Amino acid sequence: MAQYSFETIKTLLNRSIENGWEAELTLRINSRDYMIIIYNDHCSFQRIGRYDRSGEYNFSSLEELYKAQQIDEICLEKDWEKIEAFDCLDFELQGFI
């Protein structure tokens, strides 16, 4: 079960960009690791792993990313509660969590 809501994560990612950080948020779903990265002008979602292709998708907004079908048939809007863990060193370094 996800320990943070999408709105909380969205707020922290947007605060990171406001502070000049391109934050990398790692999340685990179905025992696989994925990453959301926020940039000034877009965001991306990808699988983490050196043996599999990352399947990186880019989006113009976090809302678009949240609603879109991702690699491994993940849709964060419907699968949010399947998130097993979050990790973001960038949030910790900025003092958010």
N, C-alpha and C. Protein backbone atom coordinates (compact mmCIF):
# COMPACT_ATOMS: atom_id res chain seq x y z
N MET A 1 0.83 -1.18 0.00
CA MET A 1 0.00 0.00 0.00
C MET A 1 0.88 1.24 0.00
N ALA A 2 0.56 2.20 -0.84
CA ALA A 2 1.33 3.44 -0.97
C ALA A 2 1.27 4.25 0.32
N GLN A 3 2.42 4.75 0.75
CA GLN A 3 2.46 5.53 1.98
C GLN A 3 2.25 7.03 1.73
N TYR A 4 2.32 7.45 0.47
CA TYR A 4 2.08 8.84 0.11
C TYR A 4 1.04 8.89 -1.00
N SER A 5 0.22 9.91 -0.98
CA SER A 5 -0.76 10.10 -2.06
C SER A 5 -0.06 10.68 -3.29
N PHE A 6 -0.73 10.56 -4.43
CA PHE A 6 -0.19 11.17 -5.63
C PHE A 6 -0.05 12.67 -5.45
N GLU A 7 -1.02 13.30 -4.81
CA GLU A 7 -0.96 14.76 -4.61
C GLU A 7 0.27 15.16 -3.79
N THR A 8 0.60 14.37 -2.77
CA THR A 8 1.79 14.66 -1.96
C THR A 8 3.05 14.52 -2.80
N ILE A 9 3.15 13.44 -3.55
CA ILE A 9 4.33 13.23 -4.41
C ILE A 9 4.43 14.32 -5.46
N LYS A 10 3.31 14.68 -6.07
CA LYS A 10 3.30 15.75 -7.07
C LYS A 10 3.79 17.06 -6.46
N THR A 11 3.33 17.38 -5.26
CA THR A 11 3.77 18.60 -4.58
C THR A 11 5.27 18.58 -4.34
N LEU A 12 5.81 17.45 -3.85
CA LEU A 12 7.24 17.36 -3.57
C LEU A 12 8.07 17.43 -4.85
N LEU A 13 7.62 16.79 -5.91
CA LEU A 13 8.34 16.87 -7.18
C LEU A 13 8.33 18.30 -7.73
N ASN A 14 7.18 18.95 -7.66
CA ASN A 14 7.10 20.33 -8.14
C ASN A 14 7.94 21.28 -7.29
N ARG A 15 7.98 21.07 -5.99
CA ARG A 15 8.84 21.87 -5.12
C ARG A 15 10.31 21.67 -5.46
N SER A 16 10.66 20.45 -5.84
CA SER A 16 12.04 20.16 -6.24
C SER A 16 12.42 21.01 -7.45
N ILE A 17 11.57 21.03 -8.46
CA ILE A 17 11.85 21.83 -9.66
C ILE A 17 11.95 23.31 -9.30
N GLU A 18 11.07 23.79 -8.44
CA GLU A 18 11.13 25.19 -8.00
C GLU A 18 12.46 25.50 -7.32
N ASN A 19 13.04 24.49 -6.66
CA ASN A 19 14.33 24.65 -5.98
C ASN A 19 15.52 24.38 -6.91
N GLY A 20 15.24 24.05 -8.17
CA GLY A 20 16.31 23.82 -9.13
C GLY A 20 16.84 22.39 -9.15
N TRP A 21 16.07 21.44 -8.59
CA TRP A 21 16.48 20.03 -8.54
C TRP A 21 15.66 19.22 -9.53
N GLU A 22 16.30 18.40 -10.32
CA GLU A 22 15.61 17.43 -11.16
C GLU A 22 15.53 16.13 -10.36
N ALA A 23 14.51 16.04 -9.53
CA ALA A 23 14.38 14.94 -8.58
C ALA A 23 14.10 13.62 -9.26
N GLU A 24 14.69 12.56 -8.70
CA GLU A 24 14.47 11.19 -9.16
C GLU A 24 13.79 10.41 -8.04
N LEU A 25 12.54 10.04 -8.28
CA LEU A 25 11.75 9.30 -7.30
C LEU A 25 11.69 7.84 -7.73
N THR A 26 12.18 6.96 -6.88
CA THR A 26 12.11 5.52 -7.14
C THR A 26 10.88 4.96 -6.44
N LEU A 27 10.15 4.11 -7.13
CA LEU A 27 9.02 3.43 -6.51
C LEU A 27 9.03 1.97 -6.92
N ARG A 28 8.48 1.15 -6.06
CA ARG A 28 8.44 -0.30 -6.30
C ARG A 28 6.99 -0.74 -6.44
N ILE A 29 6.73 -1.44 -7.55
CA ILE A 29 5.41 -1.99 -7.83
C ILE A 29 5.61 -3.43 -8.28
N ASN A 30 4.87 -4.35 -7.67
CA ASN A 30 4.97 -5.77 -8.03
C ASN A 30 6.43 -6.26 -7.99
N SER A 31 7.16 -5.82 -6.98
CA SER A 31 8.55 -6.22 -6.75
C SER A 31 9.52 -5.77 -7.86
N ARG A 32 9.13 -4.78 -8.64
CA ARG A 32 10.00 -4.20 -9.67
C ARG A 32 10.17 -2.72 -9.37
N ASP A 33 11.36 -2.20 -9.69
CA ASP A 33 11.66 -0.80 -9.41
C ASP A 33 11.47 0.05 -10.65
N TYR A 34 10.87 1.22 -10.42
CA TYR A 34 10.61 2.20 -11.47
C TYR A 34 11.06 3.57 -10.97
N MET A 35 11.15 4.52 -11.89
CA MET A 35 11.59 5.85 -11.50
C MET A 35 10.77 6.91 -12.24
N ILE A 36 10.40 7.94 -11.48
CA ILE A 36 9.83 9.15 -12.05
C ILE A 36 10.89 10.22 -11.90
N ILE A 37 11.18 10.92 -12.99
CA ILE A 37 12.13 12.02 -12.96
C ILE A 37 11.40 13.27 -13.43
N ILE A 38 11.56 14.35 -12.68
CA ILE A 38 10.94 15.61 -13.07
C ILE A 38 12.01 16.56 -13.58
N TYR A 39 11.71 17.21 -14.70
CA TYR A 39 12.59 18.20 -15.33
C TYR A 39 11.83 19.52 -15.40
N ASN A 40 12.51 20.58 -15.81
CA ASN A 40 11.84 21.88 -15.92
C ASN A 40 10.67 21.86 -16.89
N ASP A 41 10.80 21.13 -17.99
CA ASP A 41 9.79 21.20 -19.04
C ASP A 41 9.04 19.90 -19.29
N HIS A 42 9.34 18.83 -18.54
CA HIS A 42 8.63 17.56 -18.71
C HIS A 42 8.98 16.63 -17.55
N CYS A 43 8.42 15.44 -17.59
CA CYS A 43 8.74 14.41 -16.60
C CYS A 43 8.78 13.07 -17.33
N SER A 44 9.39 12.07 -16.68
CA SER A 44 9.49 10.77 -17.32
C SER A 44 9.22 9.66 -16.32
N PHE A 45 8.87 8.50 -16.87
CA PHE A 45 8.64 7.28 -16.10
C PHE A 45 9.44 6.19 -16.79
N GLN A 46 10.15 5.37 -16.01
CA GLN A 46 10.92 4.29 -16.61
C GLN A 46 11.14 3.16 -15.61
N ARG A 47 11.43 2.00 -16.15
CA ARG A 47 11.80 0.85 -15.34
C ARG A 47 13.28 0.97 -15.02
N ILE A 48 13.67 0.53 -13.83
CA ILE A 48 15.08 0.51 -13.43
C ILE A 48 15.58 -0.92 -13.57
N GLY A 49 16.72 -1.06 -14.15
CA GLY A 49 17.32 -2.38 -14.30
C GLY A 49 18.27 -2.41 -15.46
N ARG A 50 19.40 -2.99 -15.26
CA ARG A 50 20.40 -2.94 -16.31
C ARG A 50 20.21 -4.02 -17.37
N TYR A 51 19.40 -5.04 -17.11
CA TYR A 51 19.22 -6.11 -18.08
C TYR A 51 17.99 -5.90 -18.96
N ASP A 52 17.04 -5.14 -18.48
CA ASP A 52 15.84 -4.88 -19.25
C ASP A 52 15.92 -3.48 -19.86
N ARG A 53 15.29 -3.33 -20.99
CA ARG A 53 15.17 -1.97 -21.53
C ARG A 53 14.32 -1.16 -20.58
N SER A 54 14.64 0.11 -20.44
CA SER A 54 13.96 0.93 -19.44
C SER A 54 12.52 1.24 -19.79
N GLY A 55 12.20 1.28 -21.08
CA GLY A 55 10.84 1.63 -21.48
C GLY A 55 10.47 3.04 -21.07
N GLU A 56 11.41 3.96 -21.16
CA GLU A 56 11.18 5.32 -20.70
C GLU A 56 10.13 6.02 -21.56
N TYR A 57 9.18 6.64 -20.86
CA TYR A 57 8.16 7.46 -21.50
C TYR A 57 8.26 8.88 -20.94
N ASN A 58 8.11 9.87 -21.82
CA ASN A 58 8.16 11.27 -21.42
C ASN A 58 6.77 11.88 -21.51
N PHE A 59 6.48 12.79 -20.57
CA PHE A 59 5.17 13.44 -20.50
C PHE A 59 5.34 14.92 -20.23
N SER A 60 4.36 15.70 -20.65
CA SER A 60 4.44 17.14 -20.44
C SER A 60 4.07 17.54 -19.01
N SER A 61 3.37 16.67 -18.28
CA SER A 61 2.98 16.99 -16.91
C SER A 61 2.90 15.73 -16.06
N LEU A 62 2.93 15.91 -14.76
CA LEU A 62 2.79 14.78 -13.84
C LEU A 62 1.38 14.18 -13.92
N GLU A 63 0.38 15.02 -14.17
CA GLU A 63 -0.99 14.51 -14.31
C GLU A 63 -1.11 13.59 -15.52
N GLU A 64 -0.47 13.98 -16.63
CA GLU A 64 -0.48 13.15 -17.83
C GLU A 64 0.23 11.82 -17.55
N LEU A 65 1.38 11.87 -16.89
CA LEU A 65 2.12 10.66 -16.52
C LEU A 65 1.27 9.76 -15.64
N TYR A 66 0.58 10.34 -14.67
CA TYR A 66 -0.24 9.61 -13.71
C TYR A 66 -1.36 8.82 -14.39
N LYS A 67 -1.94 9.38 -15.43
CA LYS A 67 -3.10 8.77 -16.09
C LYS A 67 -2.74 7.83 -17.24
N ALA A 68 -1.49 7.90 -17.72
CA ALA A 68 -1.09 7.15 -18.92
C ALA A 68 -0.69 5.71 -18.61
N GLN A 69 -0.87 4.87 -19.62
CA GLN A 69 -0.38 3.49 -19.56
C GLN A 69 1.14 3.53 -19.68
N GLN A 70 1.83 2.86 -18.75
CA GLN A 70 3.29 2.85 -18.71
C GLN A 70 3.83 1.49 -19.12
N ILE A 71 5.12 1.35 -19.07
CA ILE A 71 5.77 0.06 -19.30
C ILE A 71 5.21 -0.96 -18.30
N ASP A 72 5.21 -2.20 -18.67
CA ASP A 72 4.71 -3.30 -17.84
C ASP A 72 3.23 -3.14 -17.50
N GLU A 73 2.51 -2.44 -18.37
CA GLU A 73 1.06 -2.23 -18.23
C GLU A 73 0.65 -1.54 -16.94
N ILE A 74 1.54 -0.71 -16.43
CA ILE A 74 1.25 0.05 -15.20
C ILE A 74 0.54 1.34 -15.58
N CYS A 75 -0.49 1.65 -14.84
CA CYS A 75 -1.16 2.95 -14.90
C CYS A 75 -1.22 3.42 -13.46
N LEU A 76 -0.45 4.45 -13.15
CA LEU A 76 -0.38 4.88 -11.75
C LEU A 76 -1.74 5.27 -11.18
N GLU A 77 -2.61 5.81 -12.02
CA GLU A 77 -3.93 6.18 -11.53
C GLU A 77 -4.68 4.97 -10.97
N LYS A 78 -4.57 3.84 -11.62
CA LYS A 78 -5.28 2.65 -11.13
C LYS A 78 -4.41 1.76 -10.24
N ASP A 79 -3.09 1.90 -10.34
CA ASP A 79 -2.18 1.02 -9.60
C ASP A 79 -1.49 1.69 -8.42
N TRP A 80 -1.87 2.91 -8.07
CA TRP A 80 -1.18 3.65 -7.02
C TRP A 80 -1.11 2.86 -5.71
N GLU A 81 -2.17 2.21 -5.34
CA GLU A 81 -2.18 1.47 -4.07
C GLU A 81 -1.32 0.21 -4.10
N LYS A 82 -0.83 -0.16 -5.27
CA LYS A 82 0.08 -1.30 -5.39
C LYS A 82 1.53 -0.92 -5.11
N ILE A 83 1.80 0.38 -4.96
CA ILE A 83 3.17 0.82 -4.70
C ILE A 83 3.60 0.31 -3.34
N GLU A 84 4.71 -0.42 -3.34
CA GLU A 84 5.23 -1.06 -2.13
C GLU A 84 6.20 -0.17 -1.37
N ALA A 85 6.91 0.73 -2.08
CA ALA A 85 7.91 1.58 -1.43
C ALA A 85 8.21 2.78 -2.31
N PHE A 86 8.59 3.87 -1.65
CA PHE A 86 9.07 5.09 -2.31
C PHE A 86 10.47 5.38 -1.79
N ASP A 87 11.31 5.97 -2.64
CA ASP A 87 12.62 6.43 -2.20
C ASP A 87 13.03 7.61 -3.06
N CYS A 88 13.46 8.68 -2.41
CA CYS A 88 13.93 9.84 -3.16
C CYS A 88 14.96 10.58 -2.31
N LEU A 89 16.22 10.33 -2.58
CA LEU A 89 17.30 11.00 -1.87
C LEU A 89 17.19 12.51 -2.04
N ASP A 90 16.74 12.95 -3.21
CA ASP A 90 16.60 14.38 -3.47
C ASP A 90 15.62 15.03 -2.49
N PHE A 91 14.53 14.35 -2.14
CA PHE A 91 13.58 14.87 -1.16
C PHE A 91 14.25 15.01 0.20
N GLU A 92 15.03 13.99 0.57
CA GLU A 92 15.72 14.02 1.87
C GLU A 92 16.75 15.14 1.92
N LEU A 93 17.52 15.30 0.84
CA LEU A 93 18.55 16.35 0.81
C LEU A 93 17.94 17.75 0.87
N GLN A 94 16.74 17.90 0.35
CA GLN A 94 16.06 19.19 0.40
C GLN A 94 15.29 19.41 1.70
N GLY A 95 15.25 18.38 2.54
CA GLY A 95 14.57 18.49 3.83
C GLY A 95 13.07 18.32 3.79
N PHE A 96 12.55 17.74 2.72
CA PHE A 96 11.11 17.55 2.60
C PHE A 96 10.62 16.41 3.48
N ILE A 97 11.41 15.35 3.61
CA ILE A 97 11.00 14.19 4.42
C ILE A 97 12.15 13.75 5.30
